[in-house]
Amino acid sequence: MRALWPPPLLPGDRIGIAAPGGPIRKESFERGVAYLEARGFRPVLGEHVGRRHGYLAGTDDERLADLGAFVSDPGIRAIWCARGGYGSPRIVADLDLDPLRRHPKALIGYSDITALHAAVFRRLRLATWHGPLISELGDPALYDEPSLWKALSGDGKDLAWPLPASSVHHAGVGEGPLVGGCLSLLVALVGTPYEAPMDGAILFWEEVNEEPFRIDRMLCHLRLSGRLRKLRGMVVGRLVGCVAKDPQNEMPLREILETHLAGTDYPGVTAFPAGHCPGKTTLPLGRTVRLDTAALRLAVSGP
C-alpha cells in the first residue's frame, strides 16, 4: 500500500503546537515559535502546552486533548511537537487518528514522538517527518535548516542524502518504507498495536545516553522477536552520549551489530546525521526509500 503524503507547508498555514511528552522549556520554546512566525506561519498553541505534571507536560487527559484537537481540525496543516522527553506512549491508545485519513497533515518531531510516528504509519500509512522539535528551531546549530524546509515545502520526490564511505557497515541495495526513530521507543512498542511495521522496511534508529550494553540488549530484543529478520536495510543514526561509564565495558557498535545482524544480507550504514545530534537531518518516515551503498546514497524512491 502506497503511503499517504502530507500536504506541503506554505507561509500562512496554521501549525498546531502540542507537547505530548515532557514539559517545555520556556525560553527555547518561545524562540521556536517566533522562528515559525518569522517564516510567515501561524502557530497555534495547544491549550495546555505550558502545563507540567512531574516529568510530563500536563496530565494524560490534557496532553491528549491538545493533540486530538489538532488531529481533528481540518484548518491545521501540521502538528509540530514542542519537545521529546517522555509521555507519548501513555496517550497513543486513546488518540483518534481517523480524521487524518480525510485531512492528512504533517507530524513533525523525534525522540519520544517515535511512538506517534509509528502509530500513525501503522494505522493510516501516513508519512511523517522525523525532524527537529519546536524547542530546537531557534538554534540553527541543532538542525539542518535546508533539509528541513526542502522536506516540508515539497512533495518529497527529490529528497536524497549522501553517505560517507566510512559509514557502510554492510554493502548492498535495499528498498522499502523508512520506519523507525529512537531505539528505546521502538523496542517499547514491540508486541503492541502501535509498533512500526518492520517487515520489508528500511529501519532507521538512533539513541541518546544509553550505554553499549543497553544498545546491545535492545537490538537483541528486536532480533529475538523476529523484527530484524525481514528488513531490507538498516540506517543507524547518531548515538549521542552512548558510551560506557566504565571504560572496561566499552564495545564498538560494529561488533554489536555483527552479533545481531548475523545471517542477514541487507545493506546497513551507521553514523547517519539524524537523531539527538547537532545538524540533524529531516527524514520522511513512511515514505519508500532506496539505500544504495555503492552509490553512497539514501533517497526517496517511487511515487
Protein backbone atom coordinates (compact mmCIF):
# COMPACT_ATOMS: atom_id res chain seq x y z
CA MET A 1 0.00 0.00 0.00
CA ARG A 2 1.37 3.41 -1.00
CA ALA A 3 1.83 5.82 1.90
CA LEU A 4 -0.39 8.88 2.18
CA TRP A 5 1.66 12.03 1.86
CA PRO A 6 1.00 15.14 3.97
CA PRO A 7 0.48 18.38 2.03
CA PRO A 8 3.43 20.79 1.82
CA LEU A 9 3.64 23.60 4.33
CA LEU A 10 3.27 27.10 2.91
CA PRO A 11 3.54 30.55 4.52
CA GLY A 12 0.22 31.46 6.12
CA ASP A 13 -0.54 27.87 7.13
CA ARG A 14 -1.71 27.20 10.69
CA ILE A 15 0.61 24.88 12.63
CA GLY A 16 -0.64 23.21 15.79
CA ILE A 17 1.97 23.01 18.54
CA ALA A 18 1.47 20.28 21.12
CA ALA A 19 3.59 18.83 23.92
CA PRO A 20 2.62 15.13 24.06
CA GLY A 21 5.70 14.20 26.10
CA GLY A 22 7.84 16.18 28.51
CA PRO A 23 7.26 19.76 29.73
CA ILE A 24 8.51 22.64 27.61
CA ARG A 25 11.50 24.80 28.39
CA LYS A 26 10.01 28.27 28.13
CA GLU A 27 12.85 30.25 26.52
CA SER A 28 13.77 27.74 23.82
CA PHE A 29 10.09 27.06 23.15
CA GLU A 30 9.32 30.75 22.65
CA ARG A 31 12.31 31.12 20.30
CA GLY A 32 10.99 28.25 18.21
CA VAL A 33 7.50 29.74 17.98
CA ALA A 34 8.99 33.11 17.00
CA TYR A 35 11.04 31.40 14.30
CA LEU A 36 7.91 29.94 12.69
CA GLU A 37 6.17 33.31 12.84
CA ALA A 38 9.15 34.96 11.17
CA ARG A 39 8.84 32.47 8.31
CA GLY A 40 5.21 33.51 7.80
CA PHE A 41 3.42 30.63 9.52
CA ARG A 42 0.64 30.92 12.09
CA PRO A 43 1.50 28.84 15.17
CA VAL A 44 -1.48 27.69 17.23
CA LEU A 45 -0.52 26.68 20.76
CA GLY A 46 -2.28 23.80 22.46
CA GLU A 47 -4.42 24.93 25.37
CA HIS A 48 -2.29 23.01 27.85
CA VAL A 49 1.11 23.29 26.18
CA GLY A 50 2.68 25.14 29.12
CA ARG A 51 1.49 22.73 31.81
CA ARG A 52 3.67 20.45 33.93
CA HIS A 53 2.78 17.26 35.77
CA GLY A 54 6.03 15.84 37.10
CA TYR A 55 8.02 14.66 34.08
CA LEU A 56 5.02 15.18 31.78
CA ALA A 57 3.70 18.29 30.01
CA GLY A 58 0.41 18.12 31.87
CA THR A 59 -1.85 15.19 32.70
CA ASP A 60 -2.57 12.50 30.13
CA ASP A 61 -6.02 13.98 29.54
CA GLU A 62 -4.58 17.46 28.94
CA ARG A 63 -1.91 16.30 26.51
CA LEU A 64 -4.37 14.06 24.70
CA ALA A 65 -6.88 16.90 24.39
CA ASP A 66 -4.35 19.20 22.72
CA LEU A 67 -3.14 16.56 20.30
CA GLY A 68 -6.63 15.33 19.49
CA ALA A 69 -7.87 18.86 18.81
CA PHE A 70 -5.15 19.40 16.21
CA VAL A 71 -5.70 15.99 14.61
CA SER A 72 -9.41 16.69 14.13
CA ASP A 73 -9.14 20.33 12.98
CA PRO A 74 -9.01 20.45 9.14
CA GLY A 75 -7.67 24.01 9.33
CA ILE A 76 -4.46 22.84 11.00
CA ARG A 77 -1.94 21.94 8.30
CA ALA A 78 0.72 20.40 10.54
CA ILE A 79 1.29 19.22 14.10
CA TRP A 80 4.73 20.19 15.35
CA CYS A 81 5.77 18.74 18.69
CA ALA A 82 7.26 21.05 21.29
CA ARG A 83 9.81 18.65 22.73
CA GLY A 84 10.53 14.99 23.41
CA GLY A 85 11.10 13.73 26.93
CA TYR A 86 8.57 11.03 27.71
CA GLY A 87 4.80 10.69 27.55
CA SER A 88 3.54 9.95 24.04
CA PRO A 89 3.17 6.18 24.60
CA ARG A 90 0.85 6.89 27.53
CA ILE A 91 -1.76 8.54 25.31
CA VAL A 92 -1.35 6.89 21.91
CA ALA A 93 -4.03 4.25 22.53
CA ASP A 94 -6.68 6.92 23.18
CA LEU A 95 -5.76 9.18 20.26
CA ASP A 96 -8.34 9.11 17.46
CA LEU A 97 -6.29 9.18 14.25
CA ASP A 98 -9.17 8.66 11.80
CA PRO A 99 -9.53 12.40 10.94
CA LEU A 100 -6.07 12.21 9.35
CA ARG A 101 -7.48 9.89 6.68
CA ARG A 102 -9.71 12.69 5.45
CA HIS A 103 -7.31 15.55 6.13
CA PRO A 104 -3.68 14.35 6.12
CA LYS A 105 -1.24 16.73 7.75
CA ALA A 106 2.42 16.75 8.66
CA LEU A 107 3.53 15.40 12.03
CA ILE A 108 6.99 16.67 12.97
CA GLY A 109 9.28 15.66 15.83
CA TYR A 110 11.57 12.93 17.10
CA SER A 111 12.70 11.15 20.29
CA ASP A 112 9.54 10.42 22.34
CA ILE A 113 7.49 11.32 19.25
CA THR A 114 8.66 8.00 17.79
CA ALA A 115 5.56 6.43 19.37
CA LEU A 116 3.29 8.76 17.38
CA HIS A 117 5.22 8.28 14.13
CA ALA A 118 4.89 4.51 14.49
CA ALA A 119 1.18 4.57 15.32
CA VAL A 120 0.29 6.97 12.50
CA PHE A 121 2.10 4.89 9.91
CA ARG A 122 0.83 1.55 11.18
CA ARG A 123 -2.79 2.69 11.39
CA LEU A 124 -3.02 5.04 8.40
CA ARG A 125 0.07 4.51 6.23
CA LEU A 126 0.57 8.27 6.51
CA ALA A 127 4.14 9.50 6.14
CA THR A 128 5.50 11.76 8.89
CA TRP A 129 8.64 13.80 9.48
CA HIS A 130 11.47 12.78 11.81
CA GLY A 131 12.80 16.29 12.38
CA PRO A 132 13.60 18.99 14.91
CA LEU A 133 11.31 19.94 17.76
CA ILE A 134 9.84 23.41 18.31
CA SER A 135 12.28 23.90 21.19
CA GLU A 136 15.19 23.49 18.75
CA LEU A 137 14.09 25.76 15.91
CA GLY A 138 15.58 28.88 17.49
CA ASP A 139 19.09 27.40 17.43
CA PRO A 140 20.29 26.80 13.83
CA ALA A 141 23.18 24.64 15.05
CA LEU A 142 20.76 21.95 16.24
CA TYR A 143 19.29 21.01 12.85
CA ASP A 144 19.94 21.18 9.13
CA GLU A 145 17.67 24.01 8.04
CA PRO A 146 17.90 23.40 4.26
CA SER A 147 16.88 19.75 4.58
CA LEU A 148 14.02 20.66 6.89
CA TRP A 149 12.37 23.16 4.57
CA LYS A 150 13.10 21.24 1.40
CA ALA A 151 11.25 18.36 3.02
CA LEU A 152 8.29 20.26 4.46
CA SER A 153 7.66 22.54 1.48
CA GLY A 154 7.74 19.92 -1.28
CA ASP A 155 6.22 16.64 -2.36
CA GLY A 156 9.16 14.58 -1.12
CA LYS A 157 10.05 13.13 -4.51
CA ASP A 158 13.52 14.61 -4.86
CA LEU A 159 14.87 14.06 -1.36
CA ALA A 160 18.28 12.37 -1.16
CA TRP A 161 21.13 12.20 1.31
CA PRO A 162 24.80 11.34 0.65
CA LEU A 163 26.55 8.70 2.73
CA PRO A 164 30.26 8.77 3.63
CA ALA A 165 32.13 5.62 2.60
CA SER A 166 33.18 5.12 6.22
CA SER A 167 29.53 4.71 7.25
CA VAL A 168 28.95 1.49 5.29
CA HIS A 169 28.59 -1.47 7.64
CA HIS A 170 27.22 -3.94 5.10
CA ALA A 171 27.18 -3.29 1.35
CA GLY A 172 24.18 -3.70 -0.88
CA VAL A 173 20.95 -2.17 -2.16
CA GLY A 174 17.61 -2.21 -0.38
CA GLU A 175 14.28 -0.51 -0.91
CA GLY A 176 11.23 -0.18 1.32
CA PRO A 177 9.30 2.21 3.55
CA LEU A 178 11.51 4.06 6.02
CA VAL A 179 10.38 3.36 9.58
CA GLY A 180 11.94 3.99 12.95
CA GLY A 181 13.12 6.65 15.36
CA CYS A 182 14.52 6.37 18.88
CA LEU A 183 15.55 2.76 19.56
CA SER A 184 14.22 2.58 23.12
CA LEU A 185 10.77 3.72 21.96
CA LEU A 186 10.76 1.27 19.06
CA VAL A 187 11.58 -1.59 21.42
CA ALA A 188 8.95 -0.46 23.94
CA LEU A 189 6.27 -0.71 21.23
CA VAL A 190 7.10 -4.29 20.17
CA GLY A 191 4.08 -6.51 20.65
CA THR A 192 1.64 -3.60 20.80
CA PRO A 193 -0.83 -2.48 18.10
CA TYR A 194 1.26 0.66 17.64
CA GLU A 195 4.69 -0.68 16.74
CA ALA A 196 6.34 0.31 13.49
CA PRO A 197 5.80 -2.40 10.82
CA MET A 198 9.32 -3.62 10.04
CA ASP A 199 8.85 -6.44 7.54
CA GLY A 200 10.12 -5.22 4.16
CA ALA A 201 11.18 -1.87 5.62
CA ILE A 202 14.35 0.19 5.87
CA LEU A 203 14.83 0.57 9.62
CA PHE A 204 16.27 3.85 10.89
CA TRP A 205 17.21 4.08 14.55
CA GLU A 206 19.17 6.40 16.83
CA GLU A 207 19.67 6.80 20.55
CA VAL A 208 20.94 9.09 23.30
CA ASN A 209 22.70 8.46 26.62
CA GLU A 210 22.41 4.68 26.51
CA GLU A 211 25.44 2.55 27.38
CA PRO A 212 26.62 -0.03 24.81
CA PHE A 213 25.20 -2.95 26.80
CA ARG A 214 21.77 -1.30 26.69
CA ILE A 215 22.02 -0.79 22.93
CA ASP A 216 23.02 -4.46 22.71
CA ARG A 217 20.05 -5.51 24.84
CA MET A 218 17.54 -3.54 22.78
CA LEU A 219 18.85 -4.87 19.47
CA CYS A 220 18.81 -8.35 20.99
CA HIS A 221 15.12 -7.90 21.78
CA LEU A 222 14.40 -6.86 18.19
CA ARG A 223 16.35 -9.87 16.90
CA LEU A 224 14.73 -12.40 19.26
CA SER A 225 11.27 -11.04 18.41
CA GLY A 226 11.99 -11.52 14.70
CA ARG A 227 11.89 -7.84 13.86
CA LEU A 228 15.34 -7.71 12.21
CA ARG A 229 14.96 -10.79 10.01
CA LYS A 230 12.86 -9.37 7.16
CA LEU A 231 14.26 -5.85 6.91
CA ARG A 232 15.53 -4.58 3.57
CA GLY A 233 18.08 -2.24 5.08
CA MET A 234 19.24 -0.51 8.25
CA VAL A 235 20.27 3.11 8.78
CA VAL A 236 21.81 3.82 12.18
CA GLY A 237 21.69 7.48 13.15
CA ARG A 238 23.93 9.27 15.61
CA LEU A 239 24.38 7.67 19.02
CA VAL A 240 24.91 10.67 21.28
CA GLY A 241 26.38 10.02 24.71
CA CYS A 242 26.16 6.26 24.17
CA VAL A 243 29.44 5.38 25.86
CA ALA A 244 30.21 3.13 28.79
CA LYS A 245 30.55 4.73 32.19
CA ASP A 246 33.26 2.19 32.94
CA PRO A 247 35.78 2.09 30.03
CA GLN A 248 36.17 -1.66 30.58
CA ASN A 249 32.55 -2.07 29.50
CA GLU A 250 33.03 -0.29 26.17
CA MET A 251 32.22 -2.21 22.99
CA PRO A 252 32.25 -0.95 19.38
CA LEU A 253 28.88 -0.56 17.69
CA ARG A 254 30.10 -2.56 14.71
CA GLU A 255 30.74 -5.56 16.94
CA ILE A 256 27.29 -5.28 18.48
CA LEU A 257 25.72 -5.05 15.02
CA GLU A 258 27.65 -8.08 13.76
CA THR A 259 26.09 -10.15 16.54
CA HIS A 260 22.50 -9.15 15.88
CA LEU A 261 22.64 -8.92 12.09
CA ALA A 262 24.41 -12.26 11.59
CA GLY A 263 22.74 -14.19 8.78
CA THR A 264 21.13 -11.16 7.15
CA ASP A 265 22.20 -9.83 3.77
CA TYR A 266 20.59 -6.39 3.58
CA PRO A 267 22.64 -3.17 3.44
CA GLY A 268 23.43 -1.20 6.57
CA VAL A 269 25.06 2.13 7.34
CA THR A 270 25.99 3.87 10.59
CA ALA A 271 26.55 7.43 11.84
CA PHE A 272 23.81 8.92 9.66
CA PRO A 273 23.31 12.59 10.71
CA ALA A 274 19.88 12.28 12.31
CA GLY A 275 18.70 11.94 15.88
CA HIS A 276 19.76 13.63 19.11
CA CYS A 277 22.63 15.43 17.41
CA PRO A 278 23.54 18.90 16.15
CA GLY A 279 22.79 19.49 12.47
CA LYS A 280 20.13 16.76 12.41
CA THR A 281 18.68 15.89 9.02
CA THR A 282 14.91 15.68 8.49
CA LEU A 283 13.72 12.27 7.26
CA PRO A 284 10.36 11.14 5.79
CA LEU A 285 9.19 8.19 7.88
CA GLY A 286 6.77 6.03 5.95
CA ARG A 287 7.99 7.07 2.51
CA THR A 288 9.64 4.44 0.30
CA VAL A 289 13.40 4.97 0.15
CA ARG A 290 16.31 3.28 -1.58
CA LEU A 291 19.52 2.59 0.33
CA ASP A 292 22.43 2.08 -2.11
CA THR A 293 25.85 1.72 -0.55
CA ALA A 294 27.67 1.52 -3.90
CA ALA A 295 26.23 4.92 -4.83
CA LEU A 296 26.68 6.09 -1.21
CA ARG A 297 23.14 7.39 -1.26
CA LEU A 298 19.85 7.19 0.61
CA ALA A 299 17.00 8.59 -1.48
CA VAL A 300 13.23 8.68 -1.72
CA SER A 301 12.05 6.38 -4.49
CA GLY A 302 8.76 5.56 -6.14
CA PRO A 303 5.60 7.66 -6.15
